Amino acid sequence: MIWLSWRQFRAQAYAALAILAVIGIALTITGPHLNSLYDSSGIPACQANNDCGTVVSGFFNELKGIDAILYFVGLGVLYVGPGLIGVFWGAPLVTRELEAGTFRMTWNQSVTRTRWIAVKLGLVGLASMAAAGLLSLMMSWWAGPIDQANALNSTRNGSSSLVRLTPLLFGASGITPVGYAAFAFALGVTAGVLIRRTLPAMAVTLAIFAAVQVLMPNVVRPHLIAPLTSITALNPAGIDQISIFNNNHMTVGAAVNIPGAWILSNADIDAAGHPFTGPPPKACLTPTGNACNASIGRLHLRQVVTYQPASRYWPLQWYETAIFLAAALLLAGFCVWWIRRRRLS
C-alpha cells in the first residue's frame, strides 16, 4: 500500500523537490554576500554606539536586486505554499479515487479501508510538513541578517513593519509553516471526502484556508498569550501625528520605543484615565514651531501601549503550530471515520 501511494504521489513529490532545490541553490549562492553585507554595515556594534537607525538604513539601502527579490519571493512561497498543498495535494487525494472508482480495486486486494486512508494521509501529510519545514528552515537561515536588522529598525509603532512578530512575517517564519501545511492538507482531504468532487473541493479548501489565514493573525494570535500594557507619561518630543477635526476633536500619536515588539494598540488617555479626544489647545489650531507639542505636554496625557514583546516569538510560534497540528489531527481522524463508516459506491 505504501508503494502504491508513493507511485500515485511521486510526480507531486518530484515537483516539490525541484522547487525546493532551485530555491535552495539561489539562497546558498546569495547567502554569503548577504552575511558579508551585514557584517560590514556596522549593525553588530551599533547598539553600543547608539546609532542603529543610521546604520540599519544604510544596510537596507544596499539590499537591492536579487536579495530583495529573493526575500519577498520566499515570504510569498511560505504563505502560498501551504494553501497550494491543501488544494493540489489534499483535495484530490481521496476525491480522484472516488471519482475514478479505483478505490474498489485496492480494497479487493485485502487492503482495509482504514489502512488505505491511513497510509495516504500519513505519507502525503508528512511530505507536506517536511516540504514546508525545509523551506522555512532555508529562509530563516538566509534572512537572518535582515531579521536582525529589522529588530533594530524602530518606527512610531515601536518596531519595523517587518519585525518577525508582526503578521506580515510571523506566519512565514519559524515552525508555523509546518502547522499550516498539515492543516491545509487535512482540510483539503476533508473537503474532498465530503464533497466528492475534485474542483469544488479545491475551491472550498482554498476559501476556508484563506479565511483562516486572515482570522488567525487578527483575531486569535494577539490573545494566545495575554498582551502586556505599558502606561507612561506622553513625551511631547515623541509626538509625530496630530489630527484635528472640526476644531474640537483631536487625536495625538507618539512614537513607541519597544524594539522588536508587535504593537497591538497605541493610544493616549487624560489625567482621569479617559481616551483623549480634545478639545485641542489653541496653539494647535494655528501651530507655529513646537508650540503645539508644548501645549499638549501641559495636558499631562499618558500613553497606553498594548503589545506582545519580542521575547514571546517562540512561545507564540509553538502555541499556534500546536493549534494547527491539533486541527489537522482532528480532521484526519474524521476522514478515517468517514471512510470506514460511509458507503462510497
C-alpha atoms as a PDB file:
ATOM      1  CA  MET A   1       0.000   0.000   0.000  1.00  0.00           C
ATOM      2  CA  ILE A   2       2.889   2.346   0.766  1.00  0.00           C
ATOM      3  CA  TRP A   3       4.460   1.588  -2.616  1.00  0.00           C
ATOM      4  CA  LEU A   4       1.164   2.230  -4.412  1.00  0.00           C
ATOM      5  CA  SER A   5       0.621   5.516  -2.578  1.00  0.00           C
ATOM      6  CA  TRP A   6       4.153   6.605  -3.462  1.00  0.00           C
ATOM      7  CA  ARG A   7       3.592   5.761  -7.117  1.00  0.00           C
ATOM      8  CA  GLN A   8       0.481   7.928  -7.146  1.00  0.00           C
ATOM      9  CA  PHE A   9       2.212  10.803  -5.344  1.00  0.00           C
ATOM     10  CA  ARG A  10       5.687  10.729  -6.866  1.00  0.00           C
ATOM     11  CA  ALA A  11       5.012  13.353  -9.577  1.00  0.00           C
ATOM     12  CA  GLN A  12       3.955  15.930  -6.980  1.00  0.00           C
ATOM     13  CA  ALA A  13       6.890  14.930  -4.755  1.00  0.00           C
ATOM     14  CA  TYR A  14       9.420  15.381  -7.555  1.00  0.00           C
ATOM     15  CA  ALA A  15       7.933  18.761  -8.443  1.00  0.00           C
ATOM     16  CA  ALA A  16       8.193  19.916  -4.824  1.00  0.00           C
ATOM     17  CA  LEU A  17      11.787  18.692  -4.581  1.00  0.00           C
ATOM     18  CA  ALA A  18      12.679  20.542  -7.770  1.00  0.00           C
ATOM     19  CA  ILE A  19      11.200  23.806  -6.447  1.00  0.00           C
ATOM     20  CA  LEU A  20      13.000  23.410  -3.120  1.00  0.00           C
ATOM     21  CA  ALA A  21      16.260  22.650  -4.918  1.00  0.00           C
ATOM     22  CA  VAL A  22      16.024  25.776  -7.076  1.00  0.00           C
ATOM     23  CA  ILE A  23      15.251  27.962  -4.061  1.00  0.00           C
ATOM     24  CA  GLY A  24      17.990  26.293  -2.011  1.00  0.00           C
ATOM     25  CA  ILE A  25      20.603  26.885  -4.710  1.00  0.00           C
ATOM     26  CA  ALA A  26      19.607  30.537  -5.042  1.00  0.00           C
ATOM     27  CA  LEU A  27      19.791  31.057  -1.280  1.00  0.00           C
ATOM     28  CA  THR A  28      23.131  29.257  -1.000  1.00  0.00           C
ATOM     29  CA  ILE A  29      24.668  31.405  -3.722  1.00  0.00           C
ATOM     30  CA  THR A  30      23.424  34.740  -2.358  1.00  0.00           C
ATOM     31  CA  GLY A  31      23.635  33.969   1.376  1.00  0.00           C
ATOM     32  CA  PRO A  32      27.388  34.669   1.837  1.00  0.00           C
ATOM     33  CA  HIS A  33      27.038  38.085   0.168  1.00  0.00           C
ATOM     34  CA  LEU A  34      24.121  38.998   2.431  1.00  0.00           C
ATOM     35  CA  ASN A  35      26.062  37.991   5.540  1.00  0.00           C
ATOM     36  CA  SER A  36      29.118  39.915   4.369  1.00  0.00           C
ATOM     37  CA  LEU A  37      26.976  42.997   3.774  1.00  0.00           C
ATOM     38  CA  TYR A  38      25.538  42.688   7.276  1.00  0.00           C
ATOM     39  CA  ASP A  39      28.937  42.290   8.929  1.00  0.00           C
ATOM     40  CA  SER A  40      30.423  45.288   7.109  1.00  0.00           C
ATOM     41  CA  SER A  41      27.396  47.519   7.756  1.00  0.00           C
ATOM     42  CA  GLY A  42      28.256  48.113  11.406  1.00  0.00           C
ATOM     43  CA  ILE A  43      24.980  46.706  12.715  1.00  0.00           C
ATOM     44  CA  PRO A  44      26.607  44.198  15.104  1.00  0.00           C
ATOM     45  CA  ALA A  45      28.188  47.086  17.038  1.00  0.00           C
ATOM     46  CA  CYS A  46      25.549  49.776  16.538  1.00  0.00           C
ATOM     47  CA  GLN A  47      23.796  49.280  19.858  1.00  0.00           C
ATOM     48  CA  ALA A  48      26.980  50.069  21.763  1.00  0.00           C
ATOM     49  CA  ASN A  49      27.408  53.240  19.702  1.00  0.00           C
ATOM     50  CA  ASN A  50      23.703  54.148  19.866  1.00  0.00           C
ATOM     51  CA  ASP A  51      23.477  54.827  16.130  1.00  0.00           C
ATOM     52  CA  CYS A  52      21.435  51.861  14.885  1.00  0.00           C
ATOM     53  CA  GLY A  53      18.924  53.979  12.960  1.00  0.00           C
ATOM     54  CA  THR A  54      21.506  55.346  10.534  1.00  0.00           C
ATOM     55  CA  VAL A  55      23.393  52.077  10.210  1.00  0.00           C
ATOM     56  CA  VAL A  56      20.272  49.991   9.603  1.00  0.00           C
ATOM     57  CA  SER A  57      19.010  52.456   6.995  1.00  0.00           C
ATOM     58  CA  GLY A  58      22.336  52.163   5.182  1.00  0.00           C
ATOM     59  CA  PHE A  59      22.123  48.377   5.278  1.00  0.00           C
ATOM     60  CA  PHE A  60      18.630  48.328   3.757  1.00  0.00           C
ATOM     61  CA  ASN A  61      19.678  50.817   1.076  1.00  0.00           C
ATOM     62  CA  GLU A  62      22.215  48.235  -0.048  1.00  0.00           C
ATOM     63  CA  LEU A  63      19.581  45.492  -0.281  1.00  0.00           C
ATOM     64  CA  LYS A  64      18.652  45.764  -3.913  1.00  0.00           C
ATOM     65  CA  GLY A  65      18.146  43.457  -6.853  1.00  0.00           C
ATOM     66  CA  ILE A  66      18.331  39.743  -6.221  1.00  0.00           C
ATOM     67  CA  ASP A  67      18.447  39.978  -2.398  1.00  0.00           C
ATOM     68  CA  ALA A  68      15.185  41.929  -2.163  1.00  0.00           C
ATOM     69  CA  ILE A  69      13.538  39.721  -4.790  1.00  0.00           C
ATOM     70  CA  LEU A  70      14.517  36.512  -3.010  1.00  0.00           C
ATOM     71  CA  TYR A  71      13.324  37.842   0.337  1.00  0.00           C
ATOM     72  CA  PHE A  72       9.819  38.689  -0.815  1.00  0.00           C
ATOM     73  CA  VAL A  73       9.545  35.674  -3.112  1.00  0.00           C
ATOM     74  CA  GLY A  74      10.471  33.458  -0.171  1.00  0.00           C
ATOM     75  CA  LEU A  75       7.820  35.088   2.006  1.00  0.00           C
ATOM     76  CA  GLY A  76       5.241  34.671  -0.728  1.00  0.00           C
ATOM     77  CA  VAL A  77       6.034  30.992  -1.238  1.00  0.00           C
ATOM     78  CA  LEU A  78       5.854  30.314   2.510  1.00  0.00           C
ATOM     79  CA  TYR A  79       2.416  31.936   2.698  1.00  0.00           C
ATOM     80  CA  VAL A  80       1.010  30.472  -0.517  1.00  0.00           C
ATOM     81  CA  GLY A  81       2.692  27.077  -0.279  1.00  0.00           C
ATOM     82  CA  PRO A  82       0.523  25.528   2.466  1.00  0.00           C
ATOM     83  CA  GLY A  83      -2.633  26.641   0.675  1.00  0.00           C
ATOM     84  CA  LEU A  84      -1.411  25.087  -2.575  1.00  0.00           C
ATOM     85  CA  ILE A  85      -0.607  21.881  -0.706  1.00  0.00           C
ATOM     86  CA  GLY A  86      -4.174  21.751   0.544  1.00  0.00           C
ATOM     87  CA  VAL A  87      -5.607  22.486  -2.884  1.00  0.00           C
ATOM     88  CA  PHE A  88      -3.420  20.260  -5.075  1.00  0.00           C
ATOM     89  CA  TRP A  89      -2.266  17.549  -2.670  1.00  0.00           C
ATOM     90  CA  GLY A  90      -5.080  17.323  -0.157  1.00  0.00           C
ATOM     91  CA  ALA A  91      -8.316  17.861  -2.062  1.00  0.00           C
ATOM     92  CA  PRO A  92      -7.621  15.356  -4.895  1.00  0.00           C
ATOM     93  CA  LEU A  93      -6.063  12.690  -2.658  1.00  0.00           C
ATOM     94  CA  VAL A  94      -9.267  10.750  -1.995  1.00  0.00           C
ATOM     95  CA  THR A  95     -11.634  12.518  -4.379  1.00  0.00           C
ATOM     96  CA  ARG A  96      -9.898  11.364  -7.547  1.00  0.00           C
ATOM     97  CA  GLU A  97     -10.094   7.766  -6.307  1.00  0.00           C
ATOM     98  CA  LEU A  98     -13.801   8.172  -5.604  1.00  0.00           C
ATOM     99  CA  GLU A  99     -14.478   9.779  -8.971  1.00  0.00           C
ATOM    100  CA  ALA A 100     -12.500   7.134 -10.896  1.00  0.00           C
ATOM    101  CA  GLY A 101     -13.676   4.217  -8.760  1.00  0.00           C
ATOM    102  CA  THR A 102     -10.113   2.907  -8.338  1.00  0.00           C
ATOM    103  CA  PHE A 103     -10.604   2.535  -4.579  1.00  0.00           C
ATOM    104  CA  ARG A 104     -12.649  -0.619  -5.217  1.00  0.00           C
ATOM    105  CA  MET A 105      -9.687  -2.369  -6.848  1.00  0.00           C
ATOM    106  CA  THR A 106      -7.469  -1.542  -3.874  1.00  0.00           C
ATOM    107  CA  TRP A 107      -9.999  -2.780  -1.331  1.00  0.00           C
ATOM    108  CA  ASN A 108     -10.409  -6.041  -3.253  1.00  0.00           C
ATOM    109  CA  GLN A 109      -6.689  -6.734  -2.683  1.00  0.00           C
ATOM    110  CA  SER A 110      -7.232  -7.430   1.038  1.00  0.00           C
ATOM    111  CA  VAL A 111      -6.434  -3.789   1.925  1.00  0.00           C
ATOM    112  CA  THR A 112      -8.802  -2.453   4.554  1.00  0.00           C
ATOM    113  CA  ARG A 113     -10.373   0.984   4.339  1.00  0.00           C
ATOM    114  CA  THR A 114      -8.530   2.098   7.465  1.00  0.00           C
ATOM    115  CA  ARG A 115      -5.140   1.095   6.112  1.00  0.00           C
ATOM    116  CA  TRP A 116      -5.916   2.645   2.730  1.00  0.00           C
ATOM    117  CA  ILE A 117      -6.766   6.087   4.093  1.00  0.00           C
ATOM    118  CA  ALA A 118      -4.178   5.982   6.900  1.00  0.00           C
ATOM    119  CA  VAL A 119      -1.280   5.312   4.525  1.00  0.00           C
ATOM    120  CA  LYS A 120      -2.393   8.060   2.165  1.00  0.00           C
ATOM    121  CA  LEU A 121      -2.800  10.576   4.969  1.00  0.00           C
ATOM    122  CA  GLY A 122       0.465   9.631   6.635  1.00  0.00           C
ATOM    123  CA  LEU A 123       2.665   9.591   3.534  1.00  0.00           C
ATOM    124  CA  VAL A 124       1.438  12.785   1.872  1.00  0.00           C
ATOM    125  CA  GLY A 125       0.807  14.581   5.153  1.00  0.00           C
ATOM    126  CA  LEU A 126       4.370  14.017   6.349  1.00  0.00           C
ATOM    127  CA  ALA A 127       5.686  15.075   2.930  1.00  0.00           C
ATOM    128  CA  SER A 128       3.664  18.287   3.180  1.00  0.00           C
ATOM    129  CA  MET A 129       5.058  19.116   6.599  1.00  0.00           C
ATOM    130  CA  ALA A 130       8.605  18.259   5.538  1.00  0.00           C
ATOM    131  CA  ALA A 131       8.420  20.484   2.457  1.00  0.00           C
ATOM    132  CA  ALA A 132       7.100  23.464   4.422  1.00  0.00           C
ATOM    133  CA  GLY A 133       9.576  22.936   7.250  1.00  0.00           C
ATOM    134  CA  LEU A 134      12.564  22.652   4.921  1.00  0.00           C
ATOM    135  CA  LEU A 135      11.616  25.825   3.055  1.00  0.00           C
ATOM    136  CA  SER A 136      11.107  27.730   6.308  1.00  0.00           C
ATOM    137  CA  LEU A 137      14.465  26.497   7.622  1.00  0.00           C
ATOM    138  CA  MET A 138      16.276  27.630   4.481  1.00  0.00           C
ATOM    139  CA  MET A 139      14.611  31.043   4.507  1.00  0.00           C
ATOM    140  CA  SER A 140      15.270  31.543   8.228  1.00  0.00           C
ATOM    141  CA  TRP A 141      18.967  30.849   7.707  1.00  0.00           C
ATOM    142  CA  TRP A 142      19.241  33.104   4.673  1.00  0.00           C
ATOM    143  CA  ALA A 143      17.144  36.002   6.032  1.00  0.00           C
ATOM    144  CA  GLY A 144      18.792  36.021   9.477  1.00  0.00           C
ATOM    145  CA  PRO A 145      20.708  39.278   8.812  1.00  0.00           C
ATOM    146  CA  ILE A 146      17.555  41.008   7.552  1.00  0.00           C
ATOM    147  CA  ASP A 147      15.537  39.874  10.577  1.00  0.00           C
ATOM    148  CA  GLN A 148      18.218  41.117  12.971  1.00  0.00           C
ATOM    149  CA  ALA A 149      18.355  44.493  11.223  1.00  0.00           C
ATOM    150  CA  ASN A 150      14.574  44.789  11.270  1.00  0.00           C
ATOM    151  CA  ALA A 151      14.533  44.221  15.031  1.00  0.00           C
ATOM    152  CA  LEU A 152      16.578  47.423  15.429  1.00  0.00           C
ATOM    153  CA  ASN A 153      14.683  49.462  12.851  1.00  0.00           C
ATOM    154  CA  SER A 154      12.147  51.303  15.042  1.00  0.00           C
ATOM    155  CA  THR A 155       9.188  53.276  13.730  1.00  0.00           C
ATOM    156  CA  ARG A 156       6.436  55.202  15.506  1.00  0.00           C
ATOM    157  CA  ASN A 157       4.785  51.906  16.400  1.00  0.00           C
ATOM    158  CA  GLY A 158       7.886  50.733  18.184  1.00  0.00           C
ATOM    159  CA  SER A 159       9.375  48.410  15.602  1.00  0.00           C
ATOM    160  CA  SER A 160       9.833  47.824  11.926  1.00  0.00           C
ATOM    161  CA  SER A 161       6.793  46.697   9.965  1.00  0.00           C
ATOM    162  CA  LEU A 162       8.883  43.629   9.099  1.00  0.00           C
ATOM    163  CA  VAL A 163       9.712  42.548  12.655  1.00  0.00           C
ATOM    164  CA  ARG A 164       9.182  38.804  12.752  1.00  0.00           C
ATOM    165  CA  LEU A 165       6.412  39.058  15.379  1.00  0.00           C
ATOM    166  CA  THR A 166       4.192  41.154  13.120  1.00  0.00           C
ATOM    167  CA  PRO A 167       1.519  39.421  10.999  1.00  0.00           C
ATOM    168  CA  LEU A 168       3.463  40.022   7.782  1.00  0.00           C
ATOM    169  CA  LEU A 169       6.354  37.810   8.855  1.00  0.00           C
ATOM    170  CA  PHE A 170       5.152  35.610  11.708  1.00  0.00           C
ATOM    171  CA  GLY A 171       3.232  33.137   9.560  1.00  0.00           C
ATOM    172  CA  ALA A 172       6.121  32.808   7.108  1.00  0.00           C
ATOM    173  CA  SER A 173       8.882  32.065   9.598  1.00  0.00           C
ATOM    174  CA  GLY A 174       9.803  29.629  12.327  1.00  0.00           C
ATOM    175  CA  ILE A 175       7.774  26.447  12.641  1.00  0.00           C
ATOM    176  CA  THR A 176       4.300  27.794  11.872  1.00  0.00           C
ATOM    177  CA  PRO A 177       4.526  26.891   8.147  1.00  0.00           C
ATOM    178  CA  VAL A 178       4.713  23.236   9.246  1.00  0.00           C
ATOM    179  CA  GLY A 179       1.441  23.577  11.143  1.00  0.00           C
ATOM    180  CA  TYR A 180      -0.185  25.469   8.279  1.00  0.00           C
ATOM    181  CA  ALA A 181       0.861  22.807   5.767  1.00  0.00           C
ATOM    182  CA  ALA A 182      -0.506  19.979   7.921  1.00  0.00           C
ATOM    183  CA  PHE A 183      -3.787  21.819   8.470  1.00  0.00           C
ATOM    184  CA  ALA A 184      -4.205  22.811   4.819  1.00  0.00           C
ATOM    185  CA  PHE A 185      -3.538  19.247   3.669  1.00  0.00           C
ATOM    186  CA  ALA A 186      -6.004  17.733   6.149  1.00  0.00           C
ATOM    187  CA  LEU A 187      -8.545  20.410   5.259  1.00  0.00           C
ATOM    188  CA  GLY A 188      -8.221  19.550   1.567  1.00  0.00           C
ATOM    189  CA  VAL A 189      -8.664  15.839   2.218  1.00  0.00           C
ATOM    190  CA  THR A 190     -11.720  16.511   4.386  1.00  0.00           C
ATOM    191  CA  ALA A 191     -13.285  18.734   1.735  1.00  0.00           C
ATOM    192  CA  GLY A 192     -12.680  16.043  -0.862  1.00  0.00           C
ATOM    193  CA  VAL A 193     -14.145  13.290   1.302  1.00  0.00           C
ATOM    194  CA  LEU A 194     -17.308  15.295   1.995  1.00  0.00           C
ATOM    195  CA  ILE A 195     -17.847  16.913  -1.413  1.00  0.00           C
ATOM    196  CA  ARG A 196     -16.550  14.006  -3.538  1.00  0.00           C
ATOM    197  CA  ARG A 197     -15.836  16.314  -6.488  1.00  0.00           C
ATOM    198  CA  THR A 198     -12.296  17.487  -7.095  1.00  0.00           C
ATOM    199  CA  LEU A 199     -12.777  21.042  -8.376  1.00  0.00           C
ATOM    200  CA  PRO A 200     -15.426  22.073  -5.817  1.00  0.00           C
ATOM    201  CA  ALA A 201     -13.288  20.539  -3.047  1.00  0.00           C
ATOM    202  CA  MET A 202     -10.267  22.512  -4.224  1.00  0.00           C
ATOM    203  CA  ALA A 203     -12.273  25.755  -4.242  1.00  0.00           C
ATOM    204  CA  VAL A 204     -13.692  25.154  -0.768  1.00  0.00           C
ATOM    205  CA  THR A 205     -10.231  24.299   0.594  1.00  0.00           C
ATOM    206  CA  LEU A 206      -8.747  27.497  -0.768  1.00  0.00           C
ATOM    207  CA  ALA A 207     -11.591  29.658   0.555  1.00  0.00           C
ATOM    208  CA  ILE A 208     -11.519  28.203   4.073  1.00  0.00           C
ATOM    209  CA  PHE A 209      -7.739  28.292   4.338  1.00  0.00           C
ATOM    210  CA  ALA A 210      -7.630  31.918   3.165  1.00  0.00           C
ATOM    211  CA  ALA A 211     -10.241  32.840   5.772  1.00  0.00           C
ATOM    212  CA  VAL A 212      -8.233  31.107   8.499  1.00  0.00           C
ATOM    213  CA  GLN A 213      -5.106  32.976   7.402  1.00  0.00           C
ATOM    214  CA  VAL A 214      -6.951  36.257   7.896  1.00  0.00           C
ATOM    215  CA  LEU A 215      -8.653  35.385  11.183  1.00  0.00           C
ATOM    216  CA  MET A 216      -5.637  33.887  12.949  1.00  0.00           C
ATOM    217  CA  PRO A 217      -3.321  36.960  12.991  1.00  0.00           C
ATOM    218  CA  ASN A 218      -6.122  39.473  13.513  1.00  0.00           C
ATOM    219  CA  VAL A 219      -8.398  37.694  15.996  1.00  0.00           C
ATOM    220  CA  VAL A 220      -6.671  34.723  17.635  1.00  0.00           C
ATOM    221  CA  ARG A 221      -2.911  35.276  17.715  1.00  0.00           C
ATOM    222  CA  PRO A 222      -2.910  38.582  19.670  1.00  0.00           C
ATOM    223  CA  HIS A 223      -4.614  36.775  22.562  1.00  0.00           C
ATOM    224  CA  LEU A 224      -2.808  33.419  22.609  1.00  0.00           C
ATOM    225  CA  ILE A 225      -0.776  34.985  25.405  1.00  0.00           C
ATOM    226  CA  ALA A 226      -2.243  37.919  27.319  1.00  0.00           C
ATOM    227  CA  PRO A 227      -0.583  41.051  25.859  1.00  0.00           C
ATOM    228  CA  LEU A 228       1.391  43.434  28.009  1.00  0.00           C
ATOM    229  CA  THR A 229       0.333  47.040  28.654  1.00  0.00           C
ATOM    230  CA  SER A 230       2.671  49.972  29.179  1.00  0.00           C
ATOM    231  CA  ILE A 231       1.390  53.276  30.605  1.00  0.00           C
ATOM    232  CA  THR A 232       3.857  56.164  30.552  1.00  0.00           C
ATOM    233  CA  ALA A 233       3.733  59.952  30.519  1.00  0.00           C
ATOM    234  CA  LEU A 234       3.346  61.229  26.969  1.00  0.00           C
ATOM    235  CA  ASN A 235       6.634  62.656  25.747  1.00  0.00           C
ATOM    236  CA  PRO A 236       5.911  65.827  23.703  1.00  0.00           C
ATOM    237  CA  ALA A 237       9.171  65.331  21.802  1.00  0.00           C
ATOM    238  CA  GLY A 238       7.914  61.983  20.577  1.00  0.00           C
ATOM    239  CA  ILE A 239       4.655  63.300  19.091  1.00  0.00           C
ATOM    240  CA  ASP A 240       4.668  62.666  15.361  1.00  0.00           C
ATOM    241  CA  GLN A 241       0.982  62.664  14.440  1.00  0.00           C
ATOM    242  CA  ILE A 242      -1.688  65.260  15.283  1.00  0.00           C
ATOM    243  CA  SER A 243      -5.189  65.162  13.809  1.00  0.00           C
ATOM    244  CA  ILE A 244      -7.815  67.864  14.444  1.00  0.00           C
ATOM    245  CA  PHE A 245     -11.414  67.594  13.263  1.00  0.00           C
ATOM    246  CA  ASN A 246     -13.893  70.479  13.234  1.00  0.00           C
ATOM    247  CA  ASN A 247     -11.602  72.397  15.634  1.00  0.00           C
ATOM    248  CA  ASN A 248     -12.951  70.479  18.654  1.00  0.00           C
ATOM    249  CA  HIS A 249     -11.868  66.839  18.218  1.00  0.00           C
ATOM    250  CA  MET A 250      -8.214  65.891  18.429  1.00  0.00           C
ATOM    251  CA  THR A 251      -6.078  62.739  18.372  1.00  0.00           C
ATOM    252  CA  VAL A 252      -2.380  62.539  19.113  1.00  0.00           C
ATOM    253  CA  GLY A 253       0.070  59.868  18.042  1.00  0.00           C
ATOM    254  CA  ALA A 254       3.506  59.400  19.575  1.00  0.00           C
ATOM    255  CA  ALA A 255       6.432  57.097  18.896  1.00  0.00           C
ATOM    256  CA  VAL A 256       6.943  53.929  20.911  1.00  0.00           C
ATOM    257  CA  ASN A 257      10.370  52.579  21.729  1.00  0.00           C
ATOM    258  CA  ILE A 258       9.896  48.840  22.236  1.00  0.00           C
ATOM    259  CA  PRO A 259      12.309  47.228  19.733  1.00  0.00           C
ATOM    260  CA  GLY A 260      11.107  44.005  18.180  1.00  0.00           C
ATOM    261  CA  ALA A 261       7.644  44.182  19.723  1.00  0.00           C
ATOM    262  CA  TRP A 262       4.319  43.689  17.987  1.00  0.00           C
ATOM    263  CA  ILE A 263       2.324  46.797  18.853  1.00  0.00           C
ATOM    264  CA  LEU A 264      -1.370  45.959  19.137  1.00  0.00           C
ATOM    265  CA  SER A 265      -2.624  49.408  20.176  1.00  0.00           C
ATOM    266  CA  ASN A 266      -1.165  52.831  20.884  1.00  0.00           C
ATOM    267  CA  ALA A 267      -3.497  55.411  22.453  1.00  0.00           C
ATOM    268  CA  ASP A 268      -3.471  58.395  24.805  1.00  0.00           C
ATOM    269  CA  ILE A 269      -5.529  58.997  27.944  1.00  0.00           C
ATOM    270  CA  ASP A 270      -6.098  62.104  30.026  1.00  0.00           C
ATOM    271  CA  ALA A 271      -5.436  62.600  33.727  1.00  0.00           C
ATOM    272  CA  ALA A 272      -8.803  60.992  34.549  1.00  0.00           C
ATOM    273  CA  GLY A 273      -7.960  57.865  32.559  1.00  0.00           C
ATOM    274  CA  HIS A 274     -10.352  58.588  29.669  1.00  0.00           C
ATOM    275  CA  PRO A 275      -9.290  58.389  25.992  1.00  0.00           C
ATOM    276  CA  PHE A 276      -8.081  61.807  24.904  1.00  0.00           C
ATOM    277  CA  THR A 277     -10.227  63.293  22.151  1.00  0.00           C
ATOM    278  CA  GLY A 278      -9.742  67.029  22.723  1.00  0.00           C
ATOM    279  CA  PRO A 279     -10.558  69.817  22.654  1.00  0.00           C
ATOM    280  CA  PRO A 280      -7.262  70.878  21.068  1.00  0.00           C
ATOM    281  CA  PRO A 281      -5.176  73.611  22.723  1.00  0.00           C
ATOM    282  CA  LYS A 282      -5.300  76.986  20.973  1.00  0.00           C
ATOM    283  CA  ALA A 283      -1.661  76.659  19.980  1.00  0.00           C
ATOM    284  CA  CYS A 284      -2.570  73.599  17.891  1.00  0.00           C
ATOM    285  CA  LEU A 285      -5.286  75.400  15.928  1.00  0.00           C
ATOM    286  CA  THR A 286      -2.669  77.713  14.431  1.00  0.00           C
ATOM    287  CA  PRO A 287       0.515  75.752  15.063  1.00  0.00           C
ATOM    288  CA  THR A 288       3.840  77.525  14.953  1.00  0.00           C
ATOM    289  CA  GLY A 289       7.080  75.709  15.700  1.00  0.00           C
ATOM    290  CA  ASN A 290       6.925  73.487  18.761  1.00  0.00           C
ATOM    291  CA  ALA A 291       4.189  75.487  20.497  1.00  0.00           C
ATOM    292  CA  CYS A 292       1.547  72.850  19.776  1.00  0.00           C
ATOM    293  CA  ASN A 293       3.642  69.984  21.183  1.00  0.00           C
ATOM    294  CA  ALA A 294       4.494  72.056  24.252  1.00  0.00           C
ATOM    295  CA  SER A 295       0.848  72.856  24.898  1.00  0.00           C
ATOM    296  CA  ILE A 296      -0.041  69.159  24.586  1.00  0.00           C
ATOM    297  CA  GLY A 297       2.663  68.399  27.143  1.00  0.00           C
ATOM    298  CA  ARG A 298       0.925  70.680  29.631  1.00  0.00           C
ATOM    299  CA  LEU A 299      -2.196  68.499  29.376  1.00  0.00           C
ATOM    300  CA  HIS A 300      -0.361  65.724  31.293  1.00  0.00           C
ATOM    301  CA  LEU A 301      -1.517  62.992  28.931  1.00  0.00           C
ATOM    302  CA  ARG A 302      -0.398  59.389  29.312  1.00  0.00           C
ATOM    303  CA  GLN A 303       0.447  56.953  26.545  1.00  0.00           C
ATOM    304  CA  VAL A 304      -1.089  53.480  26.737  1.00  0.00           C
ATOM    305  CA  VAL A 305       0.582  50.817  24.608  1.00  0.00           C
ATOM    306  CA  THR A 306      -0.611  47.219  24.314  1.00  0.00           C
ATOM    307  CA  TYR A 307       1.948  44.880  22.793  1.00  0.00           C
ATOM    308  CA  GLN A 308       3.472  41.443  22.502  1.00  0.00           C
ATOM    309  CA  PRO A 309       7.194  41.651  23.385  1.00  0.00           C
ATOM    310  CA  ALA A 310       9.884  40.211  21.145  1.00  0.00           C
ATOM    311  CA  SER A 311      10.642  37.526  23.757  1.00  0.00           C
ATOM    312  CA  ARG A 312       7.289  35.875  23.038  1.00  0.00           C
ATOM    313  CA  TYR A 313       8.104  34.997  19.435  1.00  0.00           C
ATOM    314  CA  TRP A 314       8.855  31.315  20.076  1.00  0.00           C
ATOM    315  CA  PRO A 315       6.092  30.721  22.653  1.00  0.00           C
ATOM    316  CA  LEU A 316       3.572  32.126  20.172  1.00  0.00           C
ATOM    317  CA  GLN A 317       5.117  30.002  17.418  1.00  0.00           C
ATOM    318  CA  TRP A 318       4.689  26.838  19.468  1.00  0.00           C
ATOM    319  CA  TYR A 319       1.139  27.679  20.537  1.00  0.00           C
ATOM    320  CA  GLU A 320      -0.041  28.484  17.037  1.00  0.00           C
ATOM    321  CA  THR A 321       1.682  25.475  15.488  1.00  0.00           C
ATOM    322  CA  ALA A 322       0.137  23.209  18.139  1.00  0.00           C
ATOM    323  CA  ILE A 323      -3.313  24.597  17.344  1.00  0.00           C
ATOM    324  CA  PHE A 324      -2.978  23.842  13.635  1.00  0.00           C
ATOM    325  CA  LEU A 325      -1.447  20.408  14.204  1.00  0.00           C
ATOM    326  CA  ALA A 326      -4.293  19.526  16.574  1.00  0.00           C
ATOM    327  CA  ALA A 327      -6.827  20.725  13.995  1.00  0.00           C
ATOM    328  CA  ALA A 328      -5.074  18.637  11.339  1.00  0.00           C
ATOM    329  CA  LEU A 329      -5.206  15.527  13.519  1.00  0.00           C
ATOM    330  CA  LEU A 330      -8.907  16.056  14.198  1.00  0.00           C
ATOM    331  CA  LEU A 331      -9.652  16.452  10.504  1.00  0.00           C
ATOM    332  CA  ALA A 332      -7.570  13.394   9.650  1.00  0.00           C
ATOM    333  CA  GLY A 333      -9.378  11.368  12.316  1.00  0.00           C
ATOM    334  CA  PHE A 334     -12.708  12.494  10.895  1.00  0.00           C
ATOM    335  CA  CYS A 335     -11.630  11.385   7.418  1.00  0.00           C
ATOM    336  CA  VAL A 336     -10.670   7.938   8.706  1.00  0.00           C
ATOM    337  CA  TRP A 337     -14.010   7.598  10.498  1.00  0.00           C
ATOM    338  CA  TRP A 338     -15.945   8.782   7.434  1.00  0.00           C
ATOM    339  CA  ILE A 339     -14.188   6.378   5.060  1.00  0.00           C
ATOM    340  CA  ARG A 340     -14.729   3.445   7.439  1.00  0.00           C
ATOM    341  CA  ARG A 341     -18.417   4.102   8.143  1.00  0.00           C
ATOM    342  CA  ARG A 342     -19.849   5.550   4.950  1.00  0.00           C
ATOM    343  CA  ARG A 343     -20.983   3.847   1.796  1.00  0.00           C
ATOM    344  CA  LEU A 344     -18.788   5.180  -1.023  1.00  0.00           C
ATOM    345  CA  SER A 345     -20.047   3.289  -4.063  1.00  0.00           C
END
